[in-house]
C-alpha cells in the first residue's frame, strides 16, 4: 500500500485497525518509492521519577535537568529503587527499578530513541528530620512527663553538585600525546559541598578527583588522558559527554610537515647539482 494510502487509513481508522494514535503520523515520512520510515526521536525528558517505598513523587525539572525528592525521617536512602518514565523510546542509566545509594546526588543519563542524543540529570534526595517533644505535666526533675507529642519537621539540604559541561583539548593526536579533559562543575544548592567526579574513557572508569564547590558557585576540573594504541576514544565526565579523540600513528599535520621538509631537501639538492654543473661548464 502506498505511503499516502497508509497515512489516510491510519487517520480514518480504516484498513489498519482502530485505536491508532494520530500523533504518530508526525513521525512518519514517505520516500518516492512509497516506503514509510520512522525518524527516531531525540527527546531525552524524564517524565516521572518516583519511589514506591516510601511512596514519594519526585519533582522533575527538564530545563535544569534535575530531580528532587524528599523522603520521611528515618528512611534508609542507601538502597532506594526509583520508578522512572521517559520520552518515547528513550532509555536511562542507571536503570529504572535498580537500587541506588542516594546519600549524595546521583547522575542519571537519558539516551534518546536515536541512540546518540544524551542528557544527564542530577537526582537529589532530601531526608526530613523529626523530633518528639513531651507536653505532659512536669516531673520532680523539671522535665516533661510522657503525654501527647508534637512532631517538629526540618528539611536537611544536601549539596547539588554536578558536571555541567565537559570538553577535550584535541580531536586527533599521536600515540602518547596527552589529552586534556576540562569539566565545569556547578553547585545548584544553598550549601557548600564536595563530590567525587569520575572520568570515563570508552565506558571504563579512568580516574576520579574530589572537588569542593561553594553554594551557587562553579569550579573547573582538569583531567589528563594518554593513549598509545591507535583508535577512537569516547570521553565522559560523570555521564556528561566531553567528546572523543582519535590516536593516529601520523596525524595529517605531521604528514604535511614531512612532505614539506622532503620537498625543501630535494630543492636544496637540485640547487647544489645545478651549481656544480655550471662550475664544470665554466672551467
C-alpha atoms as a PDB file:
ATOM      1  CA  UNK A   1       0.000   0.000   0.000  1.00  0.00           C
ATOM      2  CA  UNK A   2       1.438   3.432  -0.936  1.00  0.00           C
ATOM      3  CA  UNK A   3       2.546   5.672   1.915  1.00  0.00           C
ATOM      4  CA  UNK A   4      -0.232   8.184   1.254  1.00  0.00           C
ATOM      5  CA  UNK A   5      -2.905   5.451   1.443  1.00  0.00           C
ATOM      6  CA  UNK A   6      -1.431   4.077   4.686  1.00  0.00           C
ATOM      7  CA  UNK A   7      -1.419   7.541   6.234  1.00  0.00           C
ATOM      8  CA  UNK A   8      -5.025   8.107   5.141  1.00  0.00           C
ATOM      9  CA  UNK A   9      -6.055   4.726   6.536  1.00  0.00           C
ATOM     10  CA  UNK A  10      -4.411   5.492   9.888  1.00  0.00           C
ATOM     11  CA  UNK A  11      -6.055   8.889  10.102  1.00  0.00           C
ATOM     12  CA  UNK A  12      -9.519   7.458   9.325  1.00  0.00           C
ATOM     13  CA  UNK A  13      -9.075   4.235  11.270  1.00  0.00           C
ATOM     14  CA  UNK A  14      -9.974   2.064   8.232  1.00  0.00           C
ATOM     15  CA  UNK A  15      -7.867  -0.720   6.802  1.00  0.00           C
ATOM     16  CA  UNK A  16      -5.236  -0.583   9.517  1.00  0.00           C
ATOM     17  CA  UNK A  17      -7.224  -1.031  12.696  1.00  0.00           C
ATOM     18  CA  UNK A  18      -8.934   1.309  15.120  1.00  0.00           C
ATOM     19  CA  UNK A  19      -7.370   2.965  18.154  1.00  0.00           C
ATOM     20  CA  UNK A  20      -4.376   4.315  16.184  1.00  0.00           C
ATOM     21  CA  UNK A  21      -2.803   7.378  17.763  1.00  0.00           C
ATOM     22  CA  UNK A  22      -2.928  10.184  15.235  1.00  0.00           C
ATOM     23  CA  UNK A  23       0.059  11.943  16.775  1.00  0.00           C
ATOM     24  CA  UNK A  24       2.260   9.090  15.472  1.00  0.00           C
ATOM     25  CA  UNK A  25       1.648  10.356  11.927  1.00  0.00           C
ATOM     26  CA  UNK A  26       4.082  13.214  12.522  1.00  0.00           C
ATOM     27  CA  UNK A  27       6.892  10.701  12.996  1.00  0.00           C
ATOM     28  CA  UNK A  28       6.256   9.095   9.558  1.00  0.00           C
ATOM     29  CA  UNK A  29       7.880  10.278   6.338  1.00  0.00           C
ATOM     30  CA  UNK A  30       7.424   8.808   2.869  1.00  0.00           C
ATOM     31  CA  UNK A  31      10.011   8.364   0.132  1.00  0.00           C
ATOM     32  CA  UNK A  32       9.469   8.486  -3.599  1.00  0.00           C
ATOM     33  CA  UNK A  33       9.178   4.695  -3.583  1.00  0.00           C
ATOM     34  CA  UNK A  34       6.243   4.872  -1.153  1.00  0.00           C
ATOM     35  CA  UNK A  35       8.152   3.243   1.726  1.00  0.00           C
ATOM     36  CA  UNK A  36       7.339   4.612   5.187  1.00  0.00           C
ATOM     37  CA  UNK A  37      10.221   5.112   7.577  1.00  0.00           C
ATOM     38  CA  UNK A  38      10.229   6.174  11.228  1.00  0.00           C
ATOM     39  CA  UNK A  39      12.512   9.022  12.294  1.00  0.00           C
ATOM     40  CA  UNK A  40      13.971   8.187  15.734  1.00  0.00           C
ATOM     41  CA  UNK A  41      13.154  10.741  18.416  1.00  0.00           C
ATOM     42  CA  UNK A  42      15.848  12.919  20.018  1.00  0.00           C
ATOM     43  CA  UNK A  43      13.743  13.610  23.143  1.00  0.00           C
ATOM     44  CA  UNK A  44      15.550  12.958  26.455  1.00  0.00           C
ATOM     45  CA  UNK A  45      12.939  14.034  29.013  1.00  0.00           C
ATOM     46  CA  UNK A  46      12.324  12.340  32.357  1.00  0.00           C
ATOM     47  CA  UNK A  47       8.535  12.315  32.676  1.00  0.00           C
ATOM     48  CA  UNK A  48       8.259  10.884  36.187  1.00  0.00           C
ATOM     49  CA  UNK A  49      10.756   9.822  38.851  1.00  0.00           C
ATOM     50  CA  UNK A  50       9.127   8.242  41.920  1.00  0.00           C
ATOM     51  CA  UNK A  51       9.784   5.900  44.818  1.00  0.00           C
ATOM     52  CA  UNK A  52       7.266   3.179  45.640  1.00  0.00           C
ATOM     53  CA  UNK A  53       8.721   2.523  49.090  1.00  0.00           C
ATOM     54  CA  UNK A  54       8.453   5.022  50.637  1.00  0.00           C
ATOM     55  CA  UNK A  55       5.749   6.461  48.379  1.00  0.00           C
ATOM     56  CA  UNK A  56       7.369   9.678  47.148  1.00  0.00           C
ATOM     57  CA  UNK A  57       6.846  11.598  43.909  1.00  0.00           C
ATOM     58  CA  UNK A  58       9.863  13.420  42.540  1.00  0.00           C
ATOM     59  CA  UNK A  59       9.921  16.944  41.164  1.00  0.00           C
ATOM     60  CA  UNK A  60      11.430  16.822  37.674  1.00  0.00           C
ATOM     61  CA  UNK A  61      12.944  19.920  36.071  1.00  0.00           C
ATOM     62  CA  UNK A  62      13.590  19.258  32.370  1.00  0.00           C
ATOM     63  CA  UNK A  63      15.159  22.708  31.940  1.00  0.00           C
ATOM     64  CA  UNK A  64      17.825  22.481  34.657  1.00  0.00           C
ATOM     65  CA  UNK A  65      17.845  18.678  34.263  1.00  0.00           C
ATOM     66  CA  UNK A  66      17.363  17.945  37.958  1.00  0.00           C
ATOM     67  CA  UNK A  67      15.109  15.696  40.030  1.00  0.00           C
ATOM     68  CA  UNK A  68      14.346  16.416  43.702  1.00  0.00           C
ATOM     69  CA  UNK A  69      12.679  14.078  46.194  1.00  0.00           C
ATOM     70  CA  UNK A  70      12.024  14.404  49.949  1.00  0.00           C
ATOM     71  CA  UNK A  71      11.655  11.191  51.948  1.00  0.00           C
ATOM     72  CA  UNK A  72      10.311  10.777  55.501  1.00  0.00           C
ATOM     73  CA  UNK A  73      12.593  10.927  58.518  1.00  0.00           C
ATOM     74  CA  UNK A  74      14.346   7.656  59.243  1.00  0.00           C
ATOM     75  CA  UNK A  75      14.284   6.473  55.619  1.00  0.00           C
ATOM     76  CA  UNK A  76      17.311   4.399  54.628  1.00  0.00           C
ATOM     77  CA  UNK A  77      18.447   6.069  51.407  1.00  0.00           C
ATOM     78  CA  UNK A  78      21.334   3.690  50.693  1.00  0.00           C
ATOM     79  CA  UNK A  79      19.241   1.354  48.529  1.00  0.00           C
ATOM     80  CA  UNK A  80      16.206   3.103  47.046  1.00  0.00           C
ATOM     81  CA  UNK A  81      14.796   1.839  43.735  1.00  0.00           C
ATOM     82  CA  UNK A  82      13.152   4.579  41.637  1.00  0.00           C
ATOM     83  CA  UNK A  83      10.448   4.023  39.045  1.00  0.00           C
ATOM     84  CA  UNK A  84      11.237   6.180  36.014  1.00  0.00           C
ATOM     85  CA  UNK A  85       9.233   7.003  32.886  1.00  0.00           C
ATOM     86  CA  UNK A  86      10.877   8.668  29.904  1.00  0.00           C
ATOM     87  CA  UNK A  87      10.277  10.129  26.476  1.00  0.00           C
ATOM     88  CA  UNK A  88       9.069   7.535  23.965  1.00  0.00           C
ATOM     89  CA  UNK A  89      11.817   5.089  23.050  1.00  0.00           C
ATOM     90  CA  UNK A  90      14.383   6.595  25.433  1.00  0.00           C
ATOM     91  CA  UNK A  91      16.490   4.593  27.909  1.00  0.00           C
ATOM     92  CA  UNK A  92      18.132   5.557  31.179  1.00  0.00           C
ATOM     93  CA  UNK A  93      21.261   4.546  33.063  1.00  0.00           C
ATOM     94  CA  UNK A  94      21.180   3.511  35.890  1.00  0.00           C
ATOM     95  CA  UNK A  95      18.066   1.507  35.034  1.00  0.00           C
ATOM     96  CA  UNK A  96      14.583   2.170  36.376  1.00  0.00           C
ATOM     97  CA  UNK A  97      13.906  -0.159  39.314  1.00  0.00           C
ATOM     98  CA  UNK A  98      17.589  -0.612  40.176  1.00  0.00           C
ATOM     99  CA  UNK A  99      18.563   0.151  43.772  1.00  0.00           C
ATOM    100  CA  UNK A 100      20.829   3.183  44.289  1.00  0.00           C
ATOM    101  CA  UNK A 101      22.637   4.880  47.169  1.00  0.00           C
ATOM    102  CA  UNK A 102      21.202   8.410  47.429  1.00  0.00           C
ATOM    103  CA  UNK A 103      23.303   9.637  50.356  1.00  0.00           C
ATOM    104  CA  UNK A 104      24.751  12.042  47.765  1.00  0.00           C
ATOM    105  CA  UNK A 105      23.338  13.242  44.421  1.00  0.00           C
ATOM    106  CA  UNK A 106      23.250  10.574  41.711  1.00  0.00           C
ATOM    107  CA  UNK A 107      23.665  11.199  37.977  1.00  0.00           C
ATOM    108  CA  UNK A 108      21.130   9.530  35.665  1.00  0.00           C
ATOM    109  CA  UNK A 109      21.843   9.675  31.908  1.00  0.00           C
ATOM    110  CA  UNK A 110      18.925   9.510  29.462  1.00  0.00           C
ATOM    111  CA  UNK A 111      19.626   8.304  25.904  1.00  0.00           C
ATOM    112  CA  UNK A 112      17.060   9.254  23.252  1.00  0.00           C
ATOM    113  CA  UNK A 113      15.474   6.804  20.812  1.00  0.00           C
ATOM    114  CA  UNK A 114      18.034   7.799  18.169  1.00  0.00           C
ATOM    115  CA  UNK A 115      20.718   6.124  20.302  1.00  0.00           C
ATOM    116  CA  UNK A 116      23.110   9.095  20.284  1.00  0.00           C
ATOM    117  CA  UNK A 117      21.396  12.079  21.937  1.00  0.00           C
ATOM    118  CA  UNK A 118      22.097  12.034  25.702  1.00  0.00           C
ATOM    119  CA  UNK A 119      21.208  14.196  28.693  1.00  0.00           C
ATOM    120  CA  UNK A 120      22.449  13.882  32.284  1.00  0.00           C
ATOM    121  CA  UNK A 121      20.066  14.526  35.203  1.00  0.00           C
ATOM    122  CA  UNK A 122      21.147  15.120  38.801  1.00  0.00           C
ATOM    123  CA  UNK A 123      18.872  13.371  41.309  1.00  0.00           C
ATOM    124  CA  UNK A 124      18.918  14.707  44.885  1.00  0.00           C
ATOM    125  CA  UNK A 125      17.149  13.042  47.815  1.00  0.00           C
ATOM    126  CA  UNK A 126      16.461  15.069  50.970  1.00  0.00           C
ATOM    127  CA  UNK A 127      15.643  13.395  54.302  1.00  0.00           C
ATOM    128  CA  UNK A 128      13.169  15.011  56.687  1.00  0.00           C
ATOM    129  CA  UNK A 129      14.392  15.139  60.301  1.00  0.00           C
ATOM    130  CA  UNK A 130      11.865  14.888  63.157  1.00  0.00           C
ATOM    131  CA  UNK A 131      11.941  15.190  66.961  1.00  0.00           C
ATOM    132  CA  UNK A 132       9.356  14.417  69.666  1.00  0.00           C
ATOM    133  CA  UNK A 133       8.527  16.878  72.470  1.00  0.00           C
ATOM    134  CA  UNK A 134       6.690  15.791  75.637  1.00  0.00           C
ATOM    135  CA  UNK A 135       3.719  18.015  76.621  1.00  0.00           C
ATOM    136  CA  UNK A 136       2.582  16.299  79.830  1.00  0.00           C
ATOM    137  CA  UNK A 137       2.883  17.542  83.425  1.00  0.00           C
ATOM    138  CA  UNK A 138       6.374  18.448  84.730  1.00  0.00           C
ATOM    139  CA  UNK A 139       8.143  15.791  86.812  1.00  0.00           C
ATOM    140  CA  UNK A 140      10.074  16.370  90.039  1.00  0.00           C
ATOM    141  CA  UNK A 141      13.213  16.820  87.938  1.00  0.00           C
ATOM    142  CA  UNK A 142      11.628  19.587  85.914  1.00  0.00           C
ATOM    143  CA  UNK A 143      11.287  17.527  82.734  1.00  0.00           C
ATOM    144  CA  UNK A 144       8.074  16.855  80.878  1.00  0.00           C
ATOM    145  CA  UNK A 145       6.236  13.609  81.580  1.00  0.00           C
ATOM    146  CA  UNK A 146       5.019  11.365  78.800  1.00  0.00           C
ATOM    147  CA  UNK A 147       1.860  12.708  77.229  1.00  0.00           C
ATOM    148  CA  UNK A 148       0.742  13.927  73.855  1.00  0.00           C
ATOM    149  CA  UNK A 149       3.559  14.549  71.430  1.00  0.00           C
ATOM    150  CA  UNK A 150       4.227  17.083  68.746  1.00  0.00           C
ATOM    151  CA  UNK A 151       6.394  16.462  65.689  1.00  0.00           C
ATOM    152  CA  UNK A 152       8.857  19.083  64.522  1.00  0.00           C
ATOM    153  CA  UNK A 153       9.940  18.573  60.923  1.00  0.00           C
ATOM    154  CA  UNK A 154      13.025  20.182  59.449  1.00  0.00           C
ATOM    155  CA  UNK A 155      14.496  19.771  55.978  1.00  0.00           C
ATOM    156  CA  UNK A 156      18.118  18.774  55.601  1.00  0.00           C
ATOM    157  CA  UNK A 157      19.587  20.379  52.484  1.00  0.00           C
ATOM    158  CA  UNK A 158      22.341  18.452  50.740  1.00  0.00           C
ATOM    159  CA  UNK A 159      24.700  19.864  48.095  1.00  0.00           C
ATOM    160  CA  UNK A 160      23.513  19.587  44.487  1.00  0.00           C
ATOM    161  CA  UNK A 161      26.857  19.289  42.714  1.00  0.00           C
ATOM    162  CA  UNK A 162      27.028  18.029  39.143  1.00  0.00           C
ATOM    163  CA  UNK A 163      29.010  18.243  35.908  1.00  0.00           C
ATOM    164  CA  UNK A 164      27.515  20.950  33.665  1.00  0.00           C
ATOM    165  CA  UNK A 165      29.737  20.705  30.571  1.00  0.00           C
ATOM    166  CA  UNK A 166      32.917  18.888  29.562  1.00  0.00           C
ATOM    167  CA  UNK A 167      35.313  19.006  26.612  1.00  0.00           C
ATOM    168  CA  UNK A 168      38.537  17.504  25.231  1.00  0.00           C
ATOM    169  CA  UNK A 169      41.516  19.603  24.102  1.00  0.00           C
ATOM    170  CA  UNK A 170      42.139  17.848  20.758  1.00  0.00           C
ATOM    171  CA  UNK A 171      40.391  15.553  18.299  1.00  0.00           C
ATOM    172  CA  UNK A 172      43.427  13.819  16.794  1.00  0.00           C
ATOM    173  CA  UNK A 173      46.753  13.092  18.474  1.00  0.00           C
ATOM    174  CA  UNK A 174      49.832  10.932  18.022  1.00  0.00           C
ATOM    175  CA  UNK A 175      50.379   7.929  20.335  1.00  0.00           C
ATOM    176  CA  UNK A 176      51.461   9.002  23.820  1.00  0.00           C
ATOM    177  CA  UNK A 177      50.326  12.612  23.412  1.00  0.00           C
ATOM    178  CA  UNK A 178      48.329  13.789  26.473  1.00  0.00           C
ATOM    179  CA  UNK A 179      44.722  14.904  26.024  1.00  0.00           C
ATOM    180  CA  UNK A 180      43.335  17.500  28.456  1.00  0.00           C
ATOM    181  CA  UNK A 181      39.737  16.961  29.573  1.00  0.00           C
ATOM    182  CA  UNK A 182      38.100  20.009  31.157  1.00  0.00           C
ATOM    183  CA  UNK A 183      34.843  19.833  33.147  1.00  0.00           C
ATOM    184  CA  UNK A 184      32.730  22.675  34.544  1.00  0.00           C
ATOM    185  CA  UNK A 185      31.251  21.663  37.915  1.00  0.00           C
ATOM    186  CA  UNK A 186      28.230  23.512  39.351  1.00  0.00           C
ATOM    187  CA  UNK A 187      26.632  23.556  42.811  1.00  0.00           C
ATOM    188  CA  UNK A 188      22.927  24.466  42.499  1.00  0.00           C
ATOM    189  CA  UNK A 189      22.163  24.154  46.218  1.00  0.00           C
ATOM    190  CA  UNK A 190      22.318  26.720  49.019  1.00  0.00           C
ATOM    191  CA  UNK A 191      25.058  24.899  50.930  1.00  0.00           C
ATOM    192  CA  UNK A 192      28.730  24.263  50.209  1.00  0.00           C
ATOM    193  CA  UNK A 193      29.702  20.706  49.399  1.00  0.00           C
ATOM    194  CA  UNK A 194      32.141  18.231  47.928  1.00  0.00           C
ATOM    195  CA  UNK A 195      31.794  15.424  45.404  1.00  0.00           C
ATOM    196  CA  UNK A 196      33.907  12.829  43.629  1.00  0.00           C
ATOM    197  CA  UNK A 197      33.921  13.412  39.850  1.00  0.00           C
ATOM    198  CA  UNK A 198      34.733  10.384  37.692  1.00  0.00           C
ATOM    199  CA  UNK A 199      36.270  10.314  34.201  1.00  0.00           C
ATOM    200  CA  UNK A 200      35.274   7.503  31.820  1.00  0.00           C
ATOM    201  CA  UNK A 201      37.028   6.518  28.574  1.00  0.00           C
ATOM    202  CA  UNK A 202      35.148   4.136  26.266  1.00  0.00           C
ATOM    203  CA  UNK A 203      32.774   3.320  29.111  1.00  0.00           C
ATOM    204  CA  UNK A 204      35.548   2.321  31.547  1.00  0.00           C
ATOM    205  CA  UNK A 205      36.457   4.297  34.653  1.00  0.00           C
ATOM    206  CA  UNK A 206      39.748   6.077  34.015  1.00  0.00           C
ATOM    207  CA  UNK A 207      40.285   8.159  37.161  1.00  0.00           C
ATOM    208  CA  UNK A 208      38.432  10.308  39.693  1.00  0.00           C
ATOM    209  CA  UNK A 209      39.019  13.559  41.560  1.00  0.00           C
ATOM    210  CA  UNK A 210      37.334  15.180  44.522  1.00  0.00           C
ATOM    211  CA  UNK A 211      36.155  18.770  44.272  1.00  0.00           C
ATOM    212  CA  UNK A 212      34.581  21.288  46.664  1.00  0.00           C
ATOM    213  CA  UNK A 213      32.162  23.867  45.262  1.00  0.00           C
ATOM    214  CA  UNK A 214      30.585  26.743  47.187  1.00  0.00           C
ATOM    215  CA  UNK A 215      26.809  27.180  47.209  1.00  0.00           C
ATOM    216  CA  UNK A 216      25.545  28.645  43.944  1.00  0.00           C
ATOM    217  CA  UNK A 217      29.077  28.581  42.546  1.00  0.00           C
ATOM    218  CA  UNK A 218      31.050  26.720  39.926  1.00  0.00           C
ATOM    219  CA  UNK A 219      34.541  25.350  39.525  1.00  0.00           C
ATOM    220  CA  UNK A 220      36.647  23.797  36.795  1.00  0.00           C
ATOM    221  CA  UNK A 221      38.237  20.360  36.975  1.00  0.00           C
ATOM    222  CA  UNK A 222      41.021  19.093  34.702  1.00  0.00           C
ATOM    223  CA  UNK A 223      41.911  15.515  33.803  1.00  0.00           C
ATOM    224  CA  UNK A 224      44.716  14.185  31.584  1.00  0.00           C
ATOM    225  CA  UNK A 225      44.377  11.141  29.327  1.00  0.00           C
ATOM    226  CA  UNK A 226      47.116   9.393  27.355  1.00  0.00           C
ATOM    227  CA  UNK A 227      46.717   6.512  24.881  1.00  0.00           C
ATOM    228  CA  UNK A 228      49.460   4.706  22.946  1.00  0.00           C
ATOM    229  CA  UNK A 229      47.234   2.409  20.905  1.00  0.00           C
ATOM    230  CA  UNK A 230      45.735   3.869  17.675  1.00  0.00           C
ATOM    231  CA  UNK A 231      41.939   4.058  17.717  1.00  0.00           C
ATOM    232  CA  UNK A 232      38.884   6.118  18.638  1.00  0.00           C
ATOM    233  CA  UNK A 233      38.179   7.010  22.270  1.00  0.00           C
ATOM    234  CA  UNK A 234      34.949   8.443  23.734  1.00  0.00           C
ATOM    235  CA  UNK A 235      35.231  10.533  26.918  1.00  0.00           C
ATOM    236  CA  UNK A 236      32.564  11.150  29.580  1.00  0.00           C
ATOM    237  CA  UNK A 237      32.726  13.041  32.882  1.00  0.00           C
ATOM    238  CA  UNK A 238      30.125  11.709  35.339  1.00  0.00           C
ATOM    239  CA  UNK A 239      27.814  10.762  32.463  1.00  0.00           C
ATOM    240  CA  UNK A 240      28.243  14.063  30.587  1.00  0.00           C
ATOM    241  CA  UNK A 241      29.847  13.622  27.133  1.00  0.00           C
ATOM    242  CA  UNK A 242      33.123  15.511  26.716  1.00  0.00           C
ATOM    243  CA  UNK A 243      33.674  14.435  23.109  1.00  0.00           C
ATOM    244  CA  UNK A 244      36.031  11.943  21.517  1.00  0.00           C
ATOM    245  CA  UNK A 245      39.571  11.813  20.198  1.00  0.00           C
ATOM    246  CA  UNK A 246      41.494   9.628  17.762  1.00  0.00           C
ATOM    247  CA  UNK A 247      45.017   8.306  18.174  1.00  0.00           C
ATOM    248  CA  UNK A 248      46.832   8.017  14.818  1.00  0.00           C
ATOM    249  CA  UNK A 249      50.358   6.899  14.023  1.00  0.00           C
ATOM    250  CA  UNK A 250      50.791  10.013  11.881  1.00  0.00           C
ATOM    251  CA  UNK A 251      48.493  12.965  12.069  1.00  0.00           C
ATOM    252  CA  UNK A 252      47.637  14.889   8.912  1.00  0.00           C
ATOM    253  CA  UNK A 253      49.660  17.864  10.134  1.00  0.00           C
ATOM    254  CA  UNK A 254      52.664  15.565  10.642  1.00  0.00           C
ATOM    255  CA  UNK A 255      52.391  14.257   7.086  1.00  0.00           C
ATOM    256  CA  UNK A 256      52.235  17.802   5.722  1.00  0.00           C
ATOM    257  CA  UNK A 257      55.342  18.727   7.706  1.00  0.00           C
ATOM    258  CA  UNK A 258      57.228  15.632   6.493  1.00  0.00           C
ATOM    259  CA  UNK A 259      56.227  16.352   2.885  1.00  0.00           C
ATOM    260  CA  UNK A 260      57.297  19.994   3.167  1.00  0.00           C
ATOM    261  CA  UNK A 261      60.685  19.102   4.644  1.00  0.00           C
ATOM    262  CA  UNK A 262      61.229  16.465   1.965  1.00  0.00           C
ATOM    263  CA  UNK A 263      60.444  18.931  -0.831  1.00  0.00           C
ATOM    264  CA  UNK A 264      62.811  21.526   0.652  1.00  0.00           C
ATOM    265  CA  UNK A 265      65.571  18.926   0.912  1.00  0.00           C
ATOM    266  CA  UNK A 266      65.047  17.873  -2.705  1.00  0.00           C
ATOM    267  CA  UNK A 267      65.111  21.508  -3.866  1.00  0.00           C
ATOM    268  CA  UNK A 268      68.357  22.057  -1.961  1.00  0.00           C
ATOM    269  CA  UNK A 269      69.974  19.006  -3.562  1.00  0.00           C
ATOM    270  CA  UNK A 270      68.810  20.030  -7.050  1.00  0.00           C
ATOM    271  CA  UNK A 271      70.232  23.513  -6.456  1.00  0.00           C
ATOM    272  CA  UNK A 272      73.630  22.090  -5.488  1.00  0.00           C
ATOM    273  CA  UNK A 273      73.690  19.906  -8.606  1.00  0.00           C
ATOM    274  CA  UNK A 274      72.912  22.861 -10.877  1.00  0.00           C
ATOM    275  CA  UNK A 275      75.639  24.967  -9.251  1.00  0.00           C
ATOM    276  CA  UNK A 276      78.135  22.126  -9.698  1.00  0.00           C
ATOM    277  CA  UNK A 277      77.260  21.715 -13.383  1.00  0.00           C
ATOM    278  CA  UNK A 278      77.648  25.438 -14.090  1.00  0.00           C
ATOM    279  CA  UNK A 279      81.095  25.390 -12.496  1.00  0.00           C
ATOM    280  CA  UNK A 280      82.042  22.413 -14.622  1.00  0.00           C
ATOM    281  CA  UNK A 281      80.938  24.244 -17.769  1.00  0.00           C
ATOM    282  CA  UNK A 282      82.836  27.351 -16.746  1.00  0.00           C
ATOM    283  CA  UNK A 283      86.104  25.511 -16.284  1.00  0.00           C
END
